[in-house]
C-alpha atoms as a PDB file:
ATOM      1  CA  MET A   1     118.111 100.957  81.184  1.00  0.00           C
ATOM      2  CA  ASN A   2     115.305 102.257  80.596  1.00  0.00           C
ATOM      3  CA  PHE A   3     112.684  99.141  80.839  1.00  0.00           C
ATOM      4  CA  TRP A   4     109.631 101.016  79.496  1.00  0.00           C
ATOM      5  CA  LYS A   5     110.892 101.458  76.261  1.00  0.00           C
ATOM      6  CA  ASN A   6     111.287  97.781  75.849  1.00  0.00           C
ATOM      7  CA  LEU A   7     107.540  97.573  77.947  1.00  0.00           C
ATOM      8  CA  LYS A   8     106.318  99.956  74.665  1.00  0.00           C
ATOM      9  CA  GLU A   9     107.837  97.881  72.663  1.00  0.00           C
ATOM     10  CA  LYS A  10     105.883  94.438  73.585  1.00  0.00           C
ATOM     11  CA  GLN A  11     102.878  95.832  74.994  1.00  0.00           C
ATOM     12  CA  GLN A  12     100.406  96.274  71.668  1.00  0.00           C
ATOM     13  CA  LYS A  13      97.654  96.935  74.443  1.00  0.00           C
ATOM     14  CA  GLY A  14      99.128  99.646  76.539  1.00  0.00           C
ATOM     15  CA  ILE A  15     100.854  99.017  79.994  1.00  0.00           C
ATOM     16  CA  MET A  16      99.046  98.504  82.476  1.00  0.00           C
ATOM     17  CA  VAL A  17     100.959  99.633  85.968  1.00  0.00           C
ATOM     18  CA  LEU A  18      99.369 100.206  89.830  1.00  0.00           C
ATOM     19  CA  ALA A  19      99.395 103.168  91.749  1.00  0.00           C
ATOM     20  CA  PRO A  20     101.498 104.053  93.838  1.00  0.00           C
ATOM     21  CA  MET A  21      98.883 104.111  97.261  1.00  0.00           C
ATOM     22  CA  ALA A  22      99.735 105.113 100.945  1.00  0.00           C
ATOM     23  CA  ASP A  23      99.299 102.224 103.793  1.00  0.00           C
ATOM     24  CA  VAL A  24      97.803 100.237 100.458  1.00  0.00           C
ATOM     25  CA  THR A  25     100.622  99.352  98.103  1.00  0.00           C
ATOM     26  CA  ASP A  26     102.335  98.331 100.863  1.00  0.00           C
ATOM     27  CA  PRO A  27     105.874  95.714 100.969  1.00  0.00           C
ATOM     28  CA  ALA A  28     102.890  93.038 102.217  1.00  0.00           C
ATOM     29  CA  PHE A  29     100.214  93.642  99.538  1.00  0.00           C
ATOM     30  CA  ARG A  30     102.493  94.058  96.928  1.00  0.00           C
ATOM     31  CA  ARG A  31     103.935  90.900  97.422  1.00  0.00           C
ATOM     32  CA  VAL A  32     100.490  89.262  97.033  1.00  0.00           C
ATOM     33  CA  ILE A  33      99.576  91.551  93.855  1.00  0.00           C
ATOM     34  CA  ALA A  34     102.914  90.161  92.096  1.00  0.00           C
ATOM     35  CA  LYS A  35     102.304  86.457  93.408  1.00  0.00           C
ATOM     36  CA  TYR A  36      98.675  86.383  91.960  1.00  0.00           C
ATOM     37  CA  GLY A  37      98.179  88.821  89.052  1.00  0.00           C
ATOM     38  CA  LYS A  38     101.344  91.297  88.348  1.00  0.00           C
ATOM     39  CA  PRO A  39     100.954  94.306  86.865  1.00  0.00           C
ATOM     40  CA  ASP A  40     103.429  95.199  83.984  1.00  0.00           C
ATOM     41  CA  VAL A  41     104.953  98.161  86.308  1.00  0.00           C
ATOM     42  CA  LEU A  42     104.221  98.531  90.433  1.00  0.00           C
ATOM     43  CA  TRP A  43     105.206 101.092  92.565  1.00  0.00           C
ATOM     44  CA  THR A  44     105.896 101.784  95.953  1.00  0.00           C
ATOM     45  CA  GLU A  45     104.391 103.594  98.010  1.00  0.00           C
ATOM     46  CA  PHE A  46     104.843 107.270  98.285  1.00  0.00           C
ATOM     47  CA  VAL A  47     108.399 108.036 100.650  1.00  0.00           C
ATOM     48  CA  SER A  48     109.330 111.716 101.994  1.00  0.00           C
ATOM     49  CA  ALA A  49     112.572 112.173 100.653  1.00  0.00           C
ATOM     50  CA  ASP A  50     112.938 114.817 103.292  1.00  0.00           C
ATOM     51  CA  GLY A  51     111.609 112.171 105.977  1.00  0.00           C
ATOM     52  CA  LEU A  52     114.599 109.502 104.748  1.00  0.00           C
ATOM     53  CA  PHE A  53     117.453 112.285 105.383  1.00  0.00           C
ATOM     54  CA  LEU A  54     116.438 114.589 108.039  1.00  0.00           C
ATOM     55  CA  GLY A  55     116.228 111.958 111.131  1.00  0.00           C
ATOM     56  CA  GLY A  56     113.165 109.497 109.857  1.00  0.00           C
ATOM     57  CA  TYR A  57     115.308 106.868 107.436  1.00  0.00           C
ATOM     58  CA  GLU A  58     115.746 103.385 109.588  1.00  0.00           C
ATOM     59  CA  HIS A  59     111.748 104.004 109.359  1.00  0.00           C
ATOM     60  CA  LEU A  60     110.758 104.859 106.410  1.00  0.00           C
ATOM     61  CA  VAL A  61     113.191 102.596 104.848  1.00  0.00           C
ATOM     62  CA  LYS A  62     110.992  99.893 105.405  1.00  0.00           C
ATOM     63  CA  ASP A  63     108.428 100.989 103.239  1.00  0.00           C
ATOM     64  CA  LEU A  64     111.413 100.776  99.808  1.00  0.00           C
ATOM     65  CA  ALA A  65     111.743  96.904 101.251  1.00  0.00           C
ATOM     66  CA  PHE A  66     110.961  94.460  97.570  1.00  0.00           C
ATOM     67  CA  THR A  67     111.320  91.503  95.805  1.00  0.00           C
ATOM     68  CA  GLU A  68     112.741  90.791  92.882  1.00  0.00           C
ATOM     69  CA  ALA A  69     109.110  88.701  92.087  1.00  0.00           C
ATOM     70  CA  GLU A  70     107.868  92.477  92.043  1.00  0.00           C
ATOM     71  CA  ARG A  71     109.812  93.922  89.719  1.00  0.00           C
ATOM     72  CA  PRO A  72     110.346  95.861  87.771  1.00  0.00           C
ATOM     73  CA  ILE A  73     109.274  97.954  90.502  1.00  0.00           C
ATOM     74  CA  VAL A  74     109.470 102.032  90.385  1.00  0.00           C
ATOM     75  CA  ALA A  75     110.587 103.698  93.514  1.00  0.00           C
ATOM     76  CA  GLN A  76     108.375 107.248  94.713  1.00  0.00           C
ATOM     77  CA  PHE A  77     108.778 110.085  96.211  1.00  0.00           C
ATOM     78  CA  PHE A  78     107.884 113.358  97.513  1.00  0.00           C
ATOM     79  CA  THR A  79     109.692 116.794  98.326  1.00  0.00           C
ATOM     80  CA  GLY A  80     110.143 120.005  97.580  1.00  0.00           C
ATOM     81  CA  LYS A  81     113.810 120.209  97.370  1.00  0.00           C
ATOM     82  CA  PRO A  82     116.059 119.419  94.741  1.00  0.00           C
ATOM     83  CA  GLU A  83     118.674 118.366  96.973  1.00  0.00           C
ATOM     84  CA  MET A  84     116.532 115.989  98.696  1.00  0.00           C
ATOM     85  CA  MET A  85     115.237 114.908  95.267  1.00  0.00           C
ATOM     86  CA  GLU A  86     118.476 114.025  94.371  1.00  0.00           C
ATOM     87  CA  LYS A  87     119.901 111.928  97.563  1.00  0.00           C
ATOM     88  CA  ALA A  88     116.218 110.240  97.294  1.00  0.00           C
ATOM     89  CA  ALA A  89     117.177 109.058  93.597  1.00  0.00           C
ATOM     90  CA  GLU A  90     120.871 108.163  94.739  1.00  0.00           C
ATOM     91  CA  LEU A  91     119.175 105.015  97.539  1.00  0.00           C
ATOM     92  CA  ALA A  92     116.799 104.206  95.001  1.00  0.00           C
ATOM     93  CA  VAL A  93     120.015 103.188  92.687  1.00  0.00           C
ATOM     94  CA  ASP A  94     121.813 101.446  95.467  1.00  0.00           C
ATOM     95  CA  LEU A  95     118.559  99.826  96.866  1.00  0.00           C
ATOM     96  CA  GLY A  96     118.326  98.386  93.301  1.00  0.00           C
ATOM     97  CA  PHE A  97     115.207  99.885  91.930  1.00  0.00           C
ATOM     98  CA  ASP A  98     114.607  99.678  88.157  1.00  0.00           C
ATOM     99  CA  GLY A  99     112.588 103.765  88.238  1.00  0.00           C
ATOM    100  CA  ILE A 100     112.259 106.955  90.486  1.00  0.00           C
ATOM    101  CA  ASP A 101     108.423 108.293  90.453  1.00  0.00           C
ATOM    102  CA  ILE A 102     108.348 111.709  91.629  1.00  0.00           C
ATOM    103  CA  ASN A 103     105.304 112.511  93.123  1.00  0.00           C
ATOM    104  CA  MET A 104     103.296 115.626  91.863  1.00  0.00           C
ATOM    105  CA  GLY A 105      99.941 114.734  92.281  1.00  0.00           C
ATOM    106  CA  CYS A 106      98.786 114.259  96.215  1.00  0.00           C
ATOM    107  CA  PRO A 107      96.243 116.284  97.472  1.00  0.00           C
ATOM    108  CA  ASP A 108      97.533 116.366 100.659  1.00  0.00           C
ATOM    109  CA  LYS A 109      97.563 120.285 102.936  1.00  0.00           C
ATOM    110  CA  SER A 110     100.775 118.846 104.784  1.00  0.00           C
ATOM    111  CA  ILE A 111     102.600 117.740 101.516  1.00  0.00           C
ATOM    112  CA  GLU A 112     101.838 120.783  99.543  1.00  0.00           C
ATOM    113  CA  LYS A 113     103.042 123.088 102.469  1.00  0.00           C
ATOM    114  CA  GLN A 114     106.218 121.565 101.640  1.00  0.00           C
ATOM    115  CA  GLY A 115     106.057 122.903  97.974  1.00  0.00           C
ATOM    116  CA  SER A 116     105.218 118.760  97.133  1.00  0.00           C
ATOM    117  CA  GLY A 117     103.029 117.049  96.181  1.00  0.00           C
ATOM    118  CA  SER A 118      99.884 118.976  94.379  1.00  0.00           C
ATOM    119  CA  GLY A 119     101.857 122.155  95.480  1.00  0.00           C
ATOM    120  CA  HIS A 120     104.358 121.824  92.278  1.00  0.00           C
ATOM    121  CA  ILE A 121     101.399 122.323  89.913  1.00  0.00           C
ATOM    122  CA  LYS A 122     101.807 126.241  91.599  1.00  0.00           C
ATOM    123  CA  ASP A 123     105.782 126.526  90.539  1.00  0.00           C
ATOM    124  CA  PRO A 124     106.562 124.784  87.361  1.00  0.00           C
ATOM    125  CA  LYS A 125     109.708 126.439  87.856  1.00  0.00           C
ATOM    126  CA  ASN A 126     110.492 124.124  90.767  1.00  0.00           C
ATOM    127  CA  ALA A 127     109.097 121.328  89.672  1.00  0.00           C
ATOM    128  CA  GLN A 128     111.521 121.645  86.961  1.00  0.00           C
ATOM    129  CA  GLU A 129     114.682 121.096  89.491  1.00  0.00           C
ATOM    130  CA  VAL A 130     112.928 118.338  91.377  1.00  0.00           C
ATOM    131  CA  ILE A 131     113.197 116.140  88.135  1.00  0.00           C
ATOM    132  CA  ARG A 132     116.509 117.192  86.707  1.00  0.00           C
ATOM    133  CA  ALA A 133     117.527 116.594  90.360  1.00  0.00           C
ATOM    134  CA  ALA A 134     115.980 113.096  90.078  1.00  0.00           C
ATOM    135  CA  MET A 135     117.988 112.312  87.603  1.00  0.00           C
ATOM    136  CA  ARG A 136     121.430 113.174  88.474  1.00  0.00           C
ATOM    137  CA  GLY A 137     120.769 111.394  91.414  1.00  0.00           C
ATOM    138  CA  ALA A 138     119.044 108.097  89.344  1.00  0.00           C
ATOM    139  CA  THR A 139     122.926 108.242  87.538  1.00  0.00           C
ATOM    140  CA  LYS A 140     124.668 107.213  90.093  1.00  0.00           C
ATOM    141  CA  ASN A 141     127.418 104.426  89.887  1.00  0.00           C
ATOM    142  CA  GLY A 142     127.020 104.559  86.369  1.00  0.00           C
ATOM    143  CA  LYS A 143     123.305 103.586  86.621  1.00  0.00           C
ATOM    144  CA  ASN A 144     121.229 105.398  84.313  1.00  0.00           C
ATOM    145  CA  LEU A 145     117.425 104.390  86.129  1.00  0.00           C
ATOM    146  CA  PRO A 146     114.289 106.124  83.793  1.00  0.00           C
ATOM    147  CA  VAL A 147     112.649 108.612  86.162  1.00  0.00           C
ATOM    148  CA  SER A 148     108.541 109.970  85.461  1.00  0.00           C
ATOM    149  CA  VAL A 149     106.466 112.053  87.191  1.00  0.00           C
ATOM    150  CA  LYS A 150     102.410 111.391  88.344  1.00  0.00           C
ATOM    151  CA  THR A 151     100.634 114.592  88.561  1.00  0.00           C
ATOM    152  CA  ARG A 152      97.175 116.115  87.625  1.00  0.00           C
ATOM    153  CA  ILE A 153      95.302 118.371  85.260  1.00  0.00           C
ATOM    154  CA  GLY A 154      96.391 121.777  87.016  1.00  0.00           C
ATOM    155  CA  TYR A 155      94.979 122.563  90.509  1.00  0.00           C
ATOM    156  CA  ASN A 156      92.458 125.120  90.565  1.00  0.00           C
ATOM    157  CA  LYS A 157      91.919 124.712  87.000  1.00  0.00           C
ATOM    158  CA  ASN A 158      92.666 122.983  84.241  1.00  0.00           C
ATOM    159  CA  GLU A 159      96.266 124.749  83.399  1.00  0.00           C
ATOM    160  CA  LEU A 160      97.415 121.269  80.643  1.00  0.00           C
ATOM    161  CA  GLU A 161      98.201 123.473  78.047  1.00  0.00           C
ATOM    162  CA  THR A 162     100.275 124.664  80.264  1.00  0.00           C
ATOM    163  CA  TRP A 163     101.426 122.472  83.128  1.00  0.00           C
ATOM    164  CA  LEU A 164     102.343 119.400  80.382  1.00  0.00           C
ATOM    165  CA  PRO A 165     104.797 121.276  78.317  1.00  0.00           C
ATOM    166  CA  MET A 166     107.414 122.473  81.865  1.00  0.00           C
ATOM    167  CA  LEU A 167     106.535 118.779  82.859  1.00  0.00           C
ATOM    168  CA  LEU A 168     107.905 117.685  79.151  1.00  0.00           C
ATOM    169  CA  GLU A 169     110.415 119.802  79.027  1.00  0.00           C
ATOM    170  CA  THR A 170     112.357 117.982  81.201  1.00  0.00           C
ATOM    171  CA  ASN A 171     112.328 114.668  78.989  1.00  0.00           C
ATOM    172  CA  PRO A 172     110.836 112.200  81.410  1.00  0.00           C
ATOM    173  CA  ALA A 173     110.341 108.238  80.590  1.00  0.00           C
ATOM    174  CA  VAL A 174     106.790 108.608  81.284  1.00  0.00           C
ATOM    175  CA  ILE A 175     104.512 111.235  83.228  1.00  0.00           C
ATOM    176  CA  THR A 176     101.283 110.150  84.404  1.00  0.00           C
ATOM    177  CA  ILE A 177      98.310 112.206  83.918  1.00  0.00           C
ATOM    178  CA  HIS A 178      95.571 112.162  86.685  1.00  0.00           C
ATOM    179  CA  ALA A 179      92.723 112.976  85.308  1.00  0.00           C
ATOM    180  CA  ARG A 180      91.022 115.538  87.488  1.00  0.00           C
ATOM    181  CA  THR A 181      92.301 119.192  88.746  1.00  0.00           C
ATOM    182  CA  ARG A 182      93.446 119.243  92.722  1.00  0.00           C
ATOM    183  CA  LYS A 183      91.228 121.001  93.751  1.00  0.00           C
ATOM    184  CA  GLU A 184      88.402 118.306  92.476  1.00  0.00           C
ATOM    185  CA  MET A 185      90.204 115.854  94.363  1.00  0.00           C
ATOM    186  CA  SER A 186      87.494 112.867  93.470  1.00  0.00           C
ATOM    187  CA  ALA A 187      84.302 114.540  93.732  1.00  0.00           C
ATOM    188  CA  VAL A 188      83.661 114.515  90.441  1.00  0.00           C
ATOM    189  CA  PRO A 189      84.148 111.768  87.586  1.00  0.00           C
ATOM    190  CA  ALA A 190      88.008 111.343  85.872  1.00  0.00           C
ATOM    191  CA  ARG A 191      87.270 113.470  82.636  1.00  0.00           C
ATOM    192  CA  TRP A 192      89.175 110.949  80.584  1.00  0.00           C
ATOM    193  CA  GLU A 193      89.231 113.458  77.547  1.00  0.00           C
ATOM    194  CA  ASN A 194      91.936 115.523  79.148  1.00  0.00           C
ATOM    195  CA  VAL A 195      94.274 112.210  78.944  1.00  0.00           C
ATOM    196  CA  LYS A 196      93.527 112.418  75.341  1.00  0.00           C
ATOM    197  CA  ARG A 197      94.258 115.853  75.471  1.00  0.00           C
ATOM    198  CA  ALA A 198      98.083 115.390  76.682  1.00  0.00           C
ATOM    199  CA  VAL A 199      98.720 112.594  74.293  1.00  0.00           C
ATOM    200  CA  GLU A 200      98.132 115.844  71.607  1.00  0.00           C
ATOM    201  CA  ILE A 201     100.365 117.984  73.706  1.00  0.00           C
ATOM    202  CA  ARG A 202     103.310 115.891  74.156  1.00  0.00           C
ATOM    203  CA  ASN A 203     102.717 114.209  70.212  1.00  0.00           C
ATOM    204  CA  GLU A 204     103.348 118.327  69.355  1.00  0.00           C
ATOM    205  CA  PHE A 205     105.446 118.790  72.035  1.00  0.00           C
ATOM    206  CA  VAL A 206     109.193 119.931  70.474  1.00  0.00           C
ATOM    207  CA  ASP A 207     112.301 120.585  73.148  1.00  0.00           C
ATOM    208  CA  SER A 208     114.822 123.632  72.491  1.00  0.00           C
ATOM    209  CA  LYS A 209     116.950 121.223  69.996  1.00  0.00           C
ATOM    210  CA  GLY A 210     114.149 120.635  67.297  1.00  0.00           C
ATOM    211  CA  LYS A 211     113.910 117.398  68.817  1.00  0.00           C
ATOM    212  CA  LYS A 212     110.125 115.077  69.534  1.00  0.00           C
ATOM    213  CA  SER A 213     108.909 114.509  72.611  1.00  0.00           C
ATOM    214  CA  GLU A 214     109.059 110.451  73.471  1.00  0.00           C
ATOM    215  CA  THR A 215     107.912 110.121  76.950  1.00  0.00           C
ATOM    216  CA  LEU A 216     104.670 108.265  77.780  1.00  0.00           C
ATOM    217  CA  ILE A 217     101.850 109.410  78.753  1.00  0.00           C
ATOM    218  CA  PHE A 218      99.884 107.026  81.245  1.00  0.00           C
ATOM    219  CA  GLY A 219      95.842 107.999  82.303  1.00  0.00           C
ATOM    220  CA  ASN A 220      94.575 107.453  86.180  1.00  0.00           C
ATOM    221  CA  GLY A 221      91.283 108.143  87.663  1.00  0.00           C
ATOM    222  CA  ASP A 222      88.094 105.582  87.714  1.00  0.00           C
ATOM    223  CA  VAL A 223      89.135 103.283  85.500  1.00  0.00           C
ATOM    224  CA  THR A 224      87.536  99.544  87.085  1.00  0.00           C
ATOM    225  CA  ASP A 225      89.526  96.683  85.275  1.00  0.00           C
ATOM    226  CA  LEU A 226      91.094  95.744  82.352  1.00  0.00           C
ATOM    227  CA  GLU A 227      88.909  95.305  79.947  1.00  0.00           C
ATOM    228  CA  ASP A 228      88.326  99.240  81.309  1.00  0.00           C
ATOM    229  CA  ALA A 229      91.563 100.028  80.392  1.00  0.00           C
ATOM    230  CA  ASP A 230      92.452  98.524  77.292  1.00  0.00           C
ATOM    231  CA  LYS A 231      89.402 100.917  76.080  1.00  0.00           C
ATOM    232  CA  LYS A 232      90.473 103.737  77.512  1.00  0.00           C
ATOM    233  CA  VAL A 233      93.775 103.775  75.541  1.00  0.00           C
ATOM    234  CA  LEU A 234      92.157 102.777  72.486  1.00  0.00           C
ATOM    235  CA  GLU A 235      89.660 106.113  73.065  1.00  0.00           C
ATOM    236  CA  THR A 236      92.435 108.319  74.210  1.00  0.00           C
ATOM    237  CA  GLY A 237      95.717 106.995  72.475  1.00  0.00           C
ATOM    238  CA  CYS A 238      97.493 107.044  75.893  1.00  0.00           C
ATOM    239  CA  ASP A 239     100.602 103.657  76.398  1.00  0.00           C
ATOM    240  CA  GLY A 240      99.757 102.837  79.421  1.00  0.00           C
ATOM    241  CA  VAL A 241      96.852 102.972  82.487  1.00  0.00           C
ATOM    242  CA  MET A 242      97.501 103.228  85.761  1.00  0.00           C
ATOM    243  CA  LEU A 243      94.940 101.280  88.016  1.00  0.00           C
ATOM    244  CA  GLY A 244      94.607 102.395  91.593  1.00  0.00           C
ATOM    245  CA  ARG A 245      90.725 101.631  93.554  1.00  0.00           C
ATOM    246  CA  ALA A 246      90.470  99.047  91.906  1.00  0.00           C
ATOM    247  CA  ILE A 247      93.096  96.328  93.351  1.00  0.00           C
ATOM    248  CA  PHE A 248      90.952  96.479  97.445  1.00  0.00           C
ATOM    249  CA  GLY A 249      90.234  93.826  97.473  1.00  0.00           C
ATOM    250  CA  ASN A 250      91.268  92.306  94.279  1.00  0.00           C
ATOM    251  CA  PRO A 251      94.667  91.031  93.637  1.00  0.00           C
ATOM    252  CA  TRP A 252      93.608  89.232  91.343  1.00  0.00           C
ATOM    253  CA  LEU A 253      93.289  92.600  89.125  1.00  0.00           C
ATOM    254  CA  PHE A 254      95.999  92.499  86.467  1.00  0.00           C
ATOM    255  CA  SER A 255      95.610  88.960  85.802  1.00  0.00           C
ATOM    256  CA  ARG A 256      94.002  88.384  81.911  1.00  0.00           C
ATOM    257  CA  SER A 257      92.949  85.242  83.337  1.00  0.00           C
ATOM    258  CA  THR A 258      88.679  85.429  84.167  1.00  0.00           C
ATOM    259  CA  GLN A 259      88.433  82.717  86.131  1.00  0.00           C
ATOM    260  CA  SER A 260      90.976  83.424  88.631  1.00  0.00           C
ATOM    261  CA  SER A 261      89.059  87.283  89.007  1.00  0.00           C
ATOM    262  CA  PHE A 262      86.700  86.783  92.544  1.00  0.00           C
ATOM    263  CA  LEU A 263      85.362  89.733  91.349  1.00  0.00           C
ATOM    264  CA  LYS A 264      84.163  89.079  87.987  1.00  0.00           C
ATOM    265  CA  VAL A 265      82.618  85.645  89.219  1.00  0.00           C
ATOM    266  CA  LEU A 266      80.917  87.905  91.503  1.00  0.00           C
ATOM    267  CA  GLY A 267      79.980  89.933  89.519  1.00  0.00           C
ATOM    268  CA  LYS A 268      77.681  87.916  87.557  1.00  0.00           C
ATOM    269  CA  ASN A 269      76.098  86.342  90.235  1.00  0.00           C
ATOM    270  CA  PRO A 270      76.277  87.828  93.568  1.00  0.00           C
ATOM    271  CA  GLN A 271      72.530  86.559  95.493  1.00  0.00           C
ATOM    272  CA  THR A 272      73.386  83.242  94.590  1.00  0.00           C
ATOM    273  CA  ILE A 273      77.521  82.315  94.815  1.00  0.00           C
ATOM    274  CA  GLN A 274      78.009  80.807  97.766  1.00  0.00           C
ATOM    275  CA  LYS A 275      75.178  78.334  96.373  1.00  0.00           C
ATOM    276  CA  SER A 276      77.363  76.546  94.016  1.00  0.00           C
ATOM    277  CA  THR A 277      80.475  75.158  93.761  1.00  0.00           C
ATOM    278  CA  GLN A 278      82.653  77.440  91.666  1.00  0.00           C
ATOM    279  CA  GLY A 279      81.722  80.423  93.932  1.00  0.00           C
ATOM    280  CA  SER A 280      82.072  78.258  97.764  1.00  0.00           C
ATOM    281  CA  ALA A 281      85.512  77.523  96.360  1.00  0.00           C
ATOM    282  CA  ASN A 282      86.072  81.273  94.832  1.00  0.00           C
ATOM    283  CA  ILE A 283      85.440  82.314  98.349  1.00  0.00           C
ATOM    284  CA  ILE A 284      87.596  80.089  99.682  1.00  0.00           C
ATOM    285  CA  GLU A 285      90.399  81.073  97.890  1.00  0.00           C
ATOM    286  CA  ARG A 286      89.266  84.890  98.944  1.00  0.00           C
ATOM    287  CA  LEU A 287      89.728  84.677 101.952  1.00  0.00           C
ATOM    288  CA  ARG A 288      93.167  82.273 102.137  1.00  0.00           C
ATOM    289  CA  VAL A 289      94.897  85.310  99.843  1.00  0.00           C
ATOM    290  CA  MET A 290      93.104  87.529 102.286  1.00  0.00           C
ATOM    291  CA  THR A 291      94.664  85.944 105.101  1.00  0.00           C
ATOM    292  CA  GLU A 292      98.224  85.487 103.263  1.00  0.00           C
ATOM    293  CA  HIS A 293      98.215  88.967 103.182  1.00  0.00           C
ATOM    294  CA  THR A 294      97.582  89.213 107.121  1.00  0.00           C
ATOM    295  CA  LYS A 295     100.062  87.810 107.733  1.00  0.00           C
ATOM    296  CA  LEU A 296     102.622  88.954 105.472  1.00  0.00           C
ATOM    297  CA  PHE A 297     101.424  92.393 107.099  1.00  0.00           C
ATOM    298  CA  GLU A 298     102.116  91.468 110.819  1.00  0.00           C
ATOM    299  CA  GLU A 299     105.723  89.842 109.424  1.00  0.00           C
ATOM    300  CA  LEU A 300     106.289  92.915 107.077  1.00  0.00           C
ATOM    301  CA  LEU A 301     105.526  95.621 108.566  1.00  0.00           C
ATOM    302  CA  PRO A 302     105.355  95.085 112.313  1.00  0.00           C
ATOM    303  CA  HIS A 303     105.582  99.239 113.085  1.00  0.00           C
ATOM    304  CA  LYS A 304     102.649  99.629 111.656  1.00  0.00           C
ATOM    305  CA  SER A 305      99.167  99.513 112.991  1.00  0.00           C
ATOM    306  CA  PHE A 306      97.074  95.861 112.601  1.00  0.00           C
ATOM    307  CA  ALA A 307      93.901  98.372 111.916  1.00  0.00           C
ATOM    308  CA  ILE A 308      95.371  99.177 108.139  1.00  0.00           C
ATOM    309  CA  MET A 309      93.967  95.732 107.672  1.00  0.00           C
ATOM    310  CA  LYS A 310      91.384  97.173 108.345  1.00  0.00           C
ATOM    311  CA  LYS A 311      90.204  98.669 104.867  1.00  0.00           C
ATOM    312  CA  HIS A 312      91.413  95.434 102.606  1.00  0.00           C
ATOM    313  CA  TYR A 313      88.957  93.039 105.057  1.00  0.00           C
ATOM    314  CA  LYS A 314      85.923  95.715 103.994  1.00  0.00           C
ATOM    315  CA  ALA A 315      87.013  94.454 100.551  1.00  0.00           C
ATOM    316  CA  TYR A 316      88.108  91.209 100.552  1.00  0.00           C
ATOM    317  CA  VAL A 317      84.606  90.510 101.954  1.00  0.00           C
ATOM    318  CA  ASN A 318      81.808  91.818 100.793  1.00  0.00           C
ATOM    319  CA  GLY A 319      79.555  90.990  97.956  1.00  0.00           C
ATOM    320  CA  TRP A 320      78.150  87.144  98.887  1.00  0.00           C
ATOM    321  CA  ASP A 321      75.617  86.279 101.631  1.00  0.00           C
ATOM    322  CA  GLY A 322      77.501  85.743 105.271  1.00  0.00           C
ATOM    323  CA  ALA A 323      79.747  88.564 103.636  1.00  0.00           C
ATOM    324  CA  LYS A 324      79.145  91.302 106.558  1.00  0.00           C
ATOM    325  CA  GLU A 325      78.600  88.946 109.983  1.00  0.00           C
ATOM    326  CA  LEU A 326      82.441  87.959 108.718  1.00  0.00           C
ATOM    327  CA  ARG A 327      83.233  90.919 108.110  1.00  0.00           C
ATOM    328  CA  MET A 328      82.447  92.290 111.402  1.00  0.00           C
ATOM    329  CA  LYS A 329      84.243  89.540 113.388  1.00  0.00           C
ATOM    330  CA  LEU A 330      87.598  90.401 111.725  1.00  0.00           C
ATOM    331  CA  MET A 331      86.913  93.877 112.218  1.00  0.00           C
ATOM    332  CA  ASP A 332      87.520  93.352 115.831  1.00  0.00           C
ATOM    333  CA  ALA A 333      90.270  90.640 114.961  1.00  0.00           C
ATOM    334  CA  LYS A 334      93.621  91.495 117.469  1.00  0.00           C
ATOM    335  CA  ASP A 335      96.408  89.577 115.152  1.00  0.00           C
ATOM    336  CA  ALA A 336      96.654  87.405 112.395  1.00  0.00           C
ATOM    337  CA  ASP A 337      96.698  83.908 114.294  1.00  0.00           C
ATOM    338  CA  GLU A 338      93.133  85.238 115.642  1.00  0.00           C
ATOM    339  CA  VAL A 339      92.164  86.462 111.095  1.00  0.00           C
ATOM    340  CA  GLU A 340      92.922  82.635 110.414  1.00  0.00           C
ATOM    341  CA  THR A 341      91.109  81.719 113.355  1.00  0.00           C
ATOM    342  CA  ILE A 342      88.098  83.301 112.689  1.00  0.00           C
ATOM    343  CA  VAL A 343      88.624  82.313 108.605  1.00  0.00           C
ATOM    344  CA  GLY A 344      89.151  79.048 109.133  1.00  0.00           C
ATOM    345  CA  ASP A 345      85.904  78.144 111.258  1.00  0.00           C
ATOM    346  CA  TYR A 346      83.790  80.322 108.544  1.00  0.00           C
ATOM    347  CA  ILE A 347      85.263  77.983 105.780  1.00  0.00           C
ATOM    348  CA  LYS A 348      83.797  75.088 107.562  1.00  0.00           C
ATOM    349  CA  GLY A 349      79.927  76.423 107.254  1.00  0.00           C
ATOM    350  CA  LEU A 350      80.520  77.002 103.928  1.00  0.00           C
END
């Protein structure tokens, strides 16, 4: 049942996965990514385990919708309560997910107050109980879904030497290390030497039964593209890399084909790209996919504010002459039909 081991055996360059991001990696965007540049593994947005079972199920379960094309897919939950995590894991089994991930790195203060997110770093014993609870829930109905953890190197300071062994004691399938502390947020560059150290700690770790750890270590933070990710795998020895913000405006991010990456074309010649046939074709493709994304958002997430799409428009429409004017029009669009009309008129003028 542990698909992670199968991936590890197949991927010589390291396992490449997409980070869970609130109001970004929603069901609509995941469908687009799966179609145009699928990573080795997809994550859902993080979902409150407490919210699911204390009155918010009907709303939150929509964030857990996925298609077969997105497999393998991992459901990420957050909570400070072991009993709630166990129920969330059981739900993930019922919904057919391939794995379960626990958010132990989110710096949001409201989440930390619940003893969740980065708050787990302050209470390692409870963190262990939450992981074990997820593992109990993951064995429902004869299943045994792998449980993973996403966290940081520490809270106010680097605590990797004590924090990581506490996590390794529970034997999760994967631990993803965001190479910053909670205090640092994203204000400083990610320090990937800490990912290298995490690999060393994992390699040195032996549990109470004398068994070496088989937990995979992934790195996360400031990764720009697959080439950068490959380099970091070689430098640190990590088993995989989680890419996050680089996905904005670039659902082709995980495609190994250079021809499918619009950003790479733009990066080579941003000033004259619109003047070339290849450039115009790439702009049209980019806008077409953006429109497709918008329609999916409206179809699948009618309960969410359409304004969420604006962050995507800023990323999709950027880097060529005339992009600013188009972007300004899109910011005022009220629905998918209006976006399609604006884009159609723009393409006619190319």
